Amino acid sequence: MNDRTPPTESLDQTLAELAEDFDLLGDWEQRIEYVIELGKGLSPLNEADRVEANKVPGCAAQVWLATASDGGRLWFAADSDSALSKGNIALLLKLYSGRTPDEILAFDAKAALDRLGLPSALTRQRANGLNSMVGRIREAAMAADGTATG
């Protein structure tokens, strides 16, 4: 959550760029490697954020997701003890961090993930974990939406 520069592209534009990257990769092994590489680019999560309240339930691995609100936007920081889960949450942060609650809530995450083909490339447990991560982000947006001012 160090970089607080709001995204200049819409969620749909960011998704289109991710989809283009995924489409350039041949098979699922390459796509999974790409997701893992995204995770390697995550900023380190502050130790203070590695608390039970920030843990995402339903994940195969331990995943922490911290949320901050600033200027009517939500900023997320995350980490995981699994390279693939860390990559999955990094992909979600690429989509969602720096967005307004309204943007987050209006975006069809399921359709986006299906467009990338992620759920079908993951085991059922990992796909459930990915859905839990999205759910936690949406919960943060719903909570902030009640308090956000524009």
Protein backbone atom coordinates (compact mmCIF):
# COMPACT_ATOMS: atom_id res chain seq x y z
CA MET A 1 0.00 0.00 0.00
CA ASN A 2 3.03 2.20 -0.41
CA ASP A 3 2.11 3.52 -3.85
CA ARG A 4 -1.04 5.58 -3.49
CA THR A 5 -1.29 6.69 -7.11
CA PRO A 6 -4.84 6.03 -8.32
CA PRO A 7 -5.11 3.84 -11.43
CA THR A 8 -5.42 5.81 -14.65
CA GLU A 9 -7.21 3.01 -16.50
CA SER A 10 -10.66 1.63 -15.83
CA LEU A 11 -11.10 -1.81 -14.33
CA ASP A 12 -12.23 -3.06 -17.74
CA GLN A 13 -9.05 -1.68 -19.37
CA THR A 14 -6.87 -3.31 -16.73
CA LEU A 15 -8.72 -6.61 -17.21
CA ALA A 16 -8.29 -6.35 -21.00
CA GLU A 17 -4.53 -5.89 -20.55
CA LEU A 18 -4.34 -8.88 -18.21
CA ALA A 19 -6.41 -10.96 -20.63
CA GLU A 20 -4.08 -9.97 -23.47
CA ASP A 21 -1.09 -11.07 -21.39
CA PHE A 22 -2.81 -14.38 -20.59
CA ASP A 23 -3.73 -14.92 -24.25
CA LEU A 24 -0.09 -14.48 -25.30
CA LEU A 25 0.91 -17.32 -23.01
CA GLY A 26 0.46 -20.72 -24.57
CA ASP A 27 -0.58 -23.25 -21.99
CA TRP A 28 -1.74 -23.28 -18.39
CA GLU A 29 1.71 -23.98 -17.03
CA GLN A 30 2.92 -20.70 -18.53
CA ARG A 31 -0.14 -18.85 -17.22
CA ILE A 32 0.34 -20.19 -13.71
CA GLU A 33 4.01 -19.19 -13.88
CA TYR A 34 2.89 -15.68 -14.90
CA VAL A 35 0.56 -15.50 -11.89
CA ILE A 36 3.38 -16.64 -9.59
CA GLU A 37 5.63 -13.94 -11.10
CA LEU A 38 2.96 -11.32 -10.30
CA GLY A 39 3.13 -12.47 -6.68
CA LYS A 40 6.87 -11.97 -6.58
CA GLY A 41 6.27 -8.30 -7.37
CA LEU A 42 4.09 -7.66 -4.31
CA SER A 43 5.42 -5.17 -1.81
CA PRO A 44 6.23 -6.82 1.52
CA LEU A 45 3.32 -6.84 3.93
CA ASN A 46 3.90 -5.05 7.23
CA GLU A 47 4.20 -7.43 10.16
CA ALA A 48 1.46 -5.43 11.90
CA ASP A 49 -0.92 -6.49 9.10
CA ARG A 50 -0.24 -10.21 9.57
CA VAL A 51 -3.05 -10.58 12.07
CA GLU A 52 -5.95 -12.96 12.28
CA ALA A 53 -8.44 -10.24 11.30
CA ASN A 54 -6.67 -9.84 7.94
CA LYS A 55 -6.55 -13.55 7.16
CA VAL A 56 -8.74 -14.63 4.25
CA PRO A 57 -10.74 -17.72 5.23
CA GLY A 58 -11.27 -20.56 2.78
CA CYS A 59 -7.84 -20.44 1.17
CA ALA A 60 -5.62 -23.50 0.77
CA ALA A 61 -2.73 -21.40 2.09
CA GLN A 62 -2.48 -18.56 4.56
CA VAL A 63 -3.45 -15.30 2.86
CA TRP A 64 -3.47 -11.90 4.53
CA LEU A 65 -5.30 -8.94 3.02
CA ALA A 66 -4.99 -5.51 4.63
CA THR A 67 -7.22 -2.62 3.59
CA ALA A 68 -6.75 1.13 3.92
CA SER A 69 -9.04 3.92 2.78
CA ASP A 70 -7.69 7.20 1.50
CA GLY A 71 -9.36 9.89 -0.56
CA GLY A 72 -12.47 7.80 -1.17
CA ARG A 73 -10.37 4.95 -2.57
CA LEU A 74 -9.45 1.55 -1.17
CA TRP A 75 -5.85 0.41 -1.08
CA PHE A 76 -4.93 -3.20 -0.49
CA ALA A 77 -1.77 -4.94 0.63
CA ALA A 78 -1.46 -8.69 0.81
CA ASP A 79 0.80 -11.67 1.23
CA SER A 80 0.62 -15.44 1.33
CA ASP A 81 2.85 -18.31 2.37
CA SER A 82 2.11 -19.96 -1.01
CA ALA A 83 3.58 -18.70 -4.29
CA LEU A 84 0.39 -19.41 -6.24
CA SER A 85 -1.93 -17.82 -3.68
CA LYS A 86 0.40 -14.84 -3.50
CA GLY A 87 0.18 -14.56 -7.29
CA ASN A 88 -3.61 -14.80 -7.21
CA ILE A 89 -3.93 -12.03 -4.66
CA ALA A 90 -1.37 -9.93 -6.59
CA LEU A 91 -3.54 -10.25 -9.69
CA LEU A 92 -6.58 -9.11 -7.71
CA LEU A 93 -4.66 -6.15 -6.26
CA LYS A 94 -3.64 -5.19 -9.80
CA LEU A 95 -7.36 -4.99 -10.60
CA TYR A 96 -8.77 -3.53 -7.39
CA SER A 97 -6.23 -1.53 -5.38
CA GLY A 98 -6.73 2.22 -5.65
CA ARG A 99 -10.34 1.91 -6.83
CA THR A 100 -13.41 3.49 -5.32
CA PRO A 101 -15.90 1.25 -3.51
CA ASP A 102 -18.42 1.93 -6.30
CA GLU A 103 -15.95 0.76 -8.97
CA ILE A 104 -15.19 -2.39 -7.02
CA LEU A 105 -18.83 -3.23 -6.38
CA ALA A 106 -19.89 -2.55 -9.98
CA PHE A 107 -17.21 -4.86 -11.43
CA ASP A 108 -18.17 -8.46 -12.20
CA ALA A 109 -15.25 -10.32 -10.65
CA LYS A 110 -16.56 -13.76 -11.58
CA ALA A 111 -16.81 -12.82 -15.26
CA ALA A 112 -13.34 -11.25 -15.09
CA LEU A 113 -11.75 -14.35 -13.59
CA ASP A 114 -13.60 -16.55 -16.08
CA ARG A 115 -12.30 -14.31 -18.89
CA LEU A 116 -8.78 -14.99 -17.66
CA GLY A 117 -9.63 -18.68 -17.29
CA LEU A 118 -8.22 -18.76 -13.79
CA PRO A 119 -10.85 -20.80 -11.93
CA SER A 120 -10.62 -23.65 -14.46
CA ALA A 121 -6.82 -23.72 -14.17
CA LEU A 122 -6.89 -24.05 -10.38
CA THR A 123 -7.83 -26.89 -8.10
CA ARG A 124 -11.28 -26.56 -6.57
CA GLN A 125 -9.78 -25.54 -3.22
CA ARG A 126 -7.58 -22.85 -4.80
CA ALA A 127 -10.50 -21.58 -6.91
CA ASN A 128 -12.56 -21.33 -3.70
CA GLY A 129 -9.69 -19.42 -2.09
CA LEU A 130 -9.59 -17.02 -5.03
CA ASN A 131 -13.33 -16.44 -4.62
CA SER A 132 -12.78 -15.83 -0.90
CA MET A 133 -10.15 -13.21 -1.73
CA VAL A 134 -12.59 -11.45 -4.07
CA GLY A 135 -15.27 -11.71 -1.38
CA ARG A 136 -13.00 -10.03 1.18
CA ILE A 137 -12.24 -7.18 -1.25
CA ARG A 138 -15.96 -6.72 -1.96
CA GLU A 139 -16.72 -6.76 1.79
CA ALA A 140 -14.18 -3.97 2.29
CA ALA A 141 -15.81 -2.01 -0.53
CA MET A 142 -19.29 -2.50 0.95
CA ALA A 143 -18.08 -1.37 4.38
CA ALA A 144 -16.34 1.66 2.90
CA ASP A 145 -19.26 2.47 0.61
CA GLY A 146 -21.36 3.32 3.63
CA THR A 147 -18.70 5.76 4.85
CA ALA A 148 -17.21 6.98 1.57
CA THR A 149 -17.93 10.50 0.49
CA GLY A 150 -17.82 10.56 -3.29
